[in-house]
Amino acid sequence: MGVEEEFLLVGPDGSPVAKAAEALEASGHSTKGGGTGALEPEFMEEQLETATHPRSALEDLAAEIRAGRARAQDAADRVDARAVALATCPVRFTGTTMPGVRYQEARRVFGLTAREQLTSGCHVHVAVADEAEGVDVLDRIGPWLPTLLALSTNSPYWQGEDTDYASFRSQVLVTMT
């Protein structure tokens, strides 16, 4: 399995800062995305992403996750920011889409939804042998999805307001799919 983590870059006052490209450059990482094991840009200029290599031992995976978090914070330190793990930005913001055809096309297609899309997540990728095993895994995990969402809830705020949802990130992502 492998893990991707997305981090919000915030300045000293806790507000999002559009410094991902600058942080990546200052720390020697590419803004084009280096793939697995690298520090990468995300959709918005206020975010960084880490990605592990595929691992079969949990100890190895945990060590690589910690190393990725340290890389993200090191890059953020170089631009006077912090890399924080928040599912949604709790304060009002104006997002800055990263340059690149893919990102700009998504912004064009999804309009306001994309401009307001400052969500971060932790994604766990699990290898399956074939499509049949993939379907079996999806069939078995379905009943657990409400529990997994409840355990991962940490995003009740959106644009500075309490949304009355325990996890507003899930509401935002429904619009983007």
Protein backbone atom coordinates (compact mmCIF):
# COMPACT_ATOMS: atom_id res chain seq x y z
CA MET A 1 0.00 0.00 0.00
CA GLY A 2 0.96 3.62 -0.40
CA VAL A 3 -0.15 6.87 1.20
CA GLU A 4 -0.58 10.38 -0.15
CA GLU A 5 -1.02 13.29 2.25
CA GLU A 6 -2.03 16.82 1.31
CA PHE A 7 -1.09 19.79 3.49
CA LEU A 8 -2.38 23.34 3.64
CA LEU A 9 0.34 26.00 3.70
CA VAL A 10 -0.42 28.70 6.26
CA GLY A 11 1.44 31.83 7.24
CA PRO A 12 2.27 33.03 10.76
CA ASP A 13 -1.30 34.29 11.26
CA GLY A 14 -2.82 30.91 10.24
CA SER A 15 -4.17 32.12 6.89
CA PRO A 16 -3.46 30.15 3.71
CA VAL A 17 -0.48 31.36 1.70
CA ALA A 18 0.06 30.75 -2.03
CA LYS A 19 3.68 29.62 -1.74
CA ALA A 20 3.74 26.00 -2.93
CA ALA A 21 5.81 26.65 -6.07
CA GLU A 22 8.23 28.84 -4.12
CA ALA A 23 8.51 26.25 -1.32
CA LEU A 24 9.11 23.42 -3.80
CA GLU A 25 11.76 25.40 -5.65
CA ALA A 26 13.49 26.52 -2.44
CA SER A 27 13.68 22.94 -1.21
CA GLY A 28 14.89 21.48 -4.52
CA HIS A 29 11.63 19.75 -5.51
CA SER A 30 9.92 20.06 -8.87
CA THR A 31 6.63 21.90 -9.37
CA LYS A 32 5.81 19.32 -12.06
CA GLY A 33 5.37 16.57 -9.46
CA GLY A 34 8.02 13.97 -8.90
CA GLY A 35 5.76 10.98 -8.43
CA THR A 36 6.00 8.49 -5.63
CA GLY A 37 8.34 9.38 -2.79
CA ALA A 38 8.45 13.05 -3.73
CA LEU A 39 7.14 16.34 -2.44
CA GLU A 40 4.66 17.62 -5.02
CA PRO A 41 2.30 20.46 -5.84
CA GLU A 42 -1.44 19.99 -5.46
CA PHE A 43 -4.37 21.68 -7.23
CA MET A 44 -4.00 24.92 -5.30
CA GLU A 45 -0.87 27.01 -4.75
CA GLU A 46 -1.71 26.88 -1.01
CA GLN A 47 -1.02 23.14 -0.80
CA LEU A 48 1.76 20.56 -0.88
CA GLU A 49 1.43 16.81 -1.28
CA THR A 50 3.60 13.91 -0.18
CA ALA A 51 3.46 10.39 -1.62
CA THR A 52 5.08 7.21 -0.37
CA HIS A 53 6.43 4.33 -2.39
CA PRO A 54 4.30 1.18 -2.33
CA ARG A 55 5.14 -0.74 0.86
CA SER A 56 4.19 -4.12 2.25
CA ALA A 57 5.52 -3.58 5.79
CA LEU A 58 3.65 -1.09 7.98
CA GLU A 59 6.86 -0.05 9.76
CA ASP A 60 8.41 0.97 6.43
CA LEU A 61 5.26 2.82 5.41
CA ALA A 62 5.12 4.70 8.74
CA ALA A 63 8.77 5.73 8.42
CA GLU A 64 8.21 7.04 4.90
CA ILE A 65 5.08 8.95 5.96
CA ARG A 66 7.08 10.64 8.74
CA ALA A 67 9.86 11.48 6.28
CA GLY A 68 7.33 12.99 3.85
CA ARG A 69 5.84 15.14 6.60
CA ALA A 70 9.31 16.36 7.51
CA ARG A 71 10.00 17.22 3.82
CA ALA A 72 6.74 19.15 3.61
CA GLN A 73 7.51 21.12 6.76
CA ASP A 74 11.10 21.77 5.65
CA ALA A 75 9.81 23.20 2.37
CA ALA A 76 7.23 25.31 4.22
CA ASP A 77 9.87 26.60 6.65
CA ARG A 78 11.86 27.96 3.68
CA VAL A 79 8.98 30.32 2.84
CA ASP A 80 7.97 31.25 6.41
CA ALA A 81 4.95 28.94 6.43
CA ARG A 82 3.66 25.82 8.19
CA ALA A 83 2.40 22.65 6.52
CA VAL A 84 -0.80 21.66 8.35
CA ALA A 85 -3.08 18.68 7.90
CA LEU A 86 -6.58 20.17 7.64
CA ALA A 87 -9.36 18.70 5.55
CA THR A 88 -10.79 22.14 4.76
CA CYS A 89 -9.51 25.64 5.30
CA PRO A 90 -11.36 27.04 8.35
CA VAL A 91 -11.03 30.72 7.33
CA ARG A 92 -12.13 32.73 4.29
CA PHE A 93 -9.68 32.51 1.39
CA THR A 94 -9.20 33.17 -2.26
CA GLY A 95 -7.47 30.15 -3.74
CA THR A 96 -4.73 30.30 -6.33
CA THR A 97 -4.77 27.45 -8.84
CA MET A 98 -1.36 26.00 -9.67
CA PRO A 99 -0.11 26.68 -13.19
CA GLY A 100 -0.35 23.84 -15.67
CA VAL A 101 -2.81 22.74 -18.31
CA ARG A 102 -4.51 20.08 -16.17
CA TYR A 103 -5.12 22.42 -13.23
CA GLN A 104 -6.25 25.34 -15.38
CA GLU A 105 -8.63 23.13 -17.36
CA ALA A 106 -10.21 21.84 -14.12
CA ARG A 107 -10.63 25.43 -12.97
CA ARG A 108 -12.30 26.34 -16.28
CA VAL A 109 -14.64 23.34 -16.24
CA PHE A 110 -15.65 23.53 -12.57
CA GLY A 111 -15.69 27.35 -12.17
CA LEU A 112 -16.49 28.61 -8.67
CA THR A 113 -16.37 25.10 -7.23
CA ALA A 114 -12.75 24.76 -8.35
CA ARG A 115 -11.81 28.25 -7.16
CA GLU A 116 -13.16 27.42 -3.71
CA GLN A 117 -11.64 23.92 -3.69
CA LEU A 118 -9.09 24.20 -0.89
CA THR A 119 -9.48 20.74 0.61
CA SER A 120 -6.76 18.37 1.70
CA GLY A 121 -6.83 14.68 2.42
CA CYS A 122 -4.97 11.52 3.22
CA HIS A 123 -5.33 8.83 0.57
CA VAL A 124 -4.40 5.21 1.16
CA HIS A 125 -3.83 3.20 -2.01
CA VAL A 126 -4.01 -0.58 -1.75
CA ALA A 127 -2.85 -2.95 -4.47
CA VAL A 128 -5.25 -5.57 -5.76
CA ALA A 129 -4.37 -8.49 -8.00
CA ASP A 130 -7.06 -7.90 -10.63
CA GLU A 131 -10.46 -6.32 -11.32
CA ALA A 132 -12.35 -9.17 -9.63
CA GLU A 133 -10.38 -8.71 -6.41
CA GLY A 134 -10.96 -4.95 -6.67
CA VAL A 135 -14.72 -5.48 -6.87
CA ASP A 136 -14.57 -7.85 -3.89
CA VAL A 137 -12.66 -5.25 -1.84
CA LEU A 138 -15.16 -2.52 -2.75
CA ASP A 139 -18.08 -4.82 -1.86
CA ARG A 140 -16.57 -5.55 1.54
CA ILE A 141 -15.53 -2.00 2.43
CA GLY A 142 -18.92 -0.44 1.58
CA PRO A 143 -20.57 -1.11 4.95
CA TRP A 144 -17.54 0.41 6.71
CA LEU A 145 -17.52 3.72 4.81
CA PRO A 146 -19.78 5.61 7.28
CA THR A 147 -17.53 4.49 10.15
CA LEU A 148 -14.36 5.47 8.26
CA LEU A 149 -15.86 8.88 7.48
CA ALA A 150 -16.83 9.36 11.14
CA LEU A 151 -13.30 8.46 12.27
CA SER A 152 -11.71 10.82 9.75
CA THR A 153 -14.02 13.79 10.34
CA ASN A 154 -12.16 17.04 10.98
CA SER A 155 -13.61 19.70 8.73
CA PRO A 156 -16.74 21.45 10.01
CA TYR A 157 -15.75 24.93 8.75
CA TRP A 158 -15.91 26.41 5.25
CA GLN A 159 -15.09 30.00 4.28
CA GLY A 160 -15.00 30.98 7.96
CA GLU A 161 -18.40 29.55 8.85
CA ASP A 162 -19.51 26.55 10.88
CA THR A 163 -21.36 24.46 8.29
CA ASP A 164 -23.24 22.30 10.82
CA TYR A 165 -21.58 19.30 9.15
CA ALA A 166 -19.00 17.24 11.01
CA SER A 167 -17.17 16.80 7.70
CA PHE A 168 -17.82 19.47 5.09
CA ARG A 169 -14.92 18.21 2.94
CA SER A 170 -17.13 15.32 1.84
CA GLN A 171 -19.80 17.83 0.69
CA VAL A 172 -17.26 19.85 -1.32
CA LEU A 173 -15.84 16.76 -3.02
CA VAL A 174 -19.28 15.56 -4.13
CA THR A 175 -19.48 18.62 -6.39
CA MET A 176 -16.03 18.00 -7.89
CA THR A 177 -16.74 14.42 -9.02
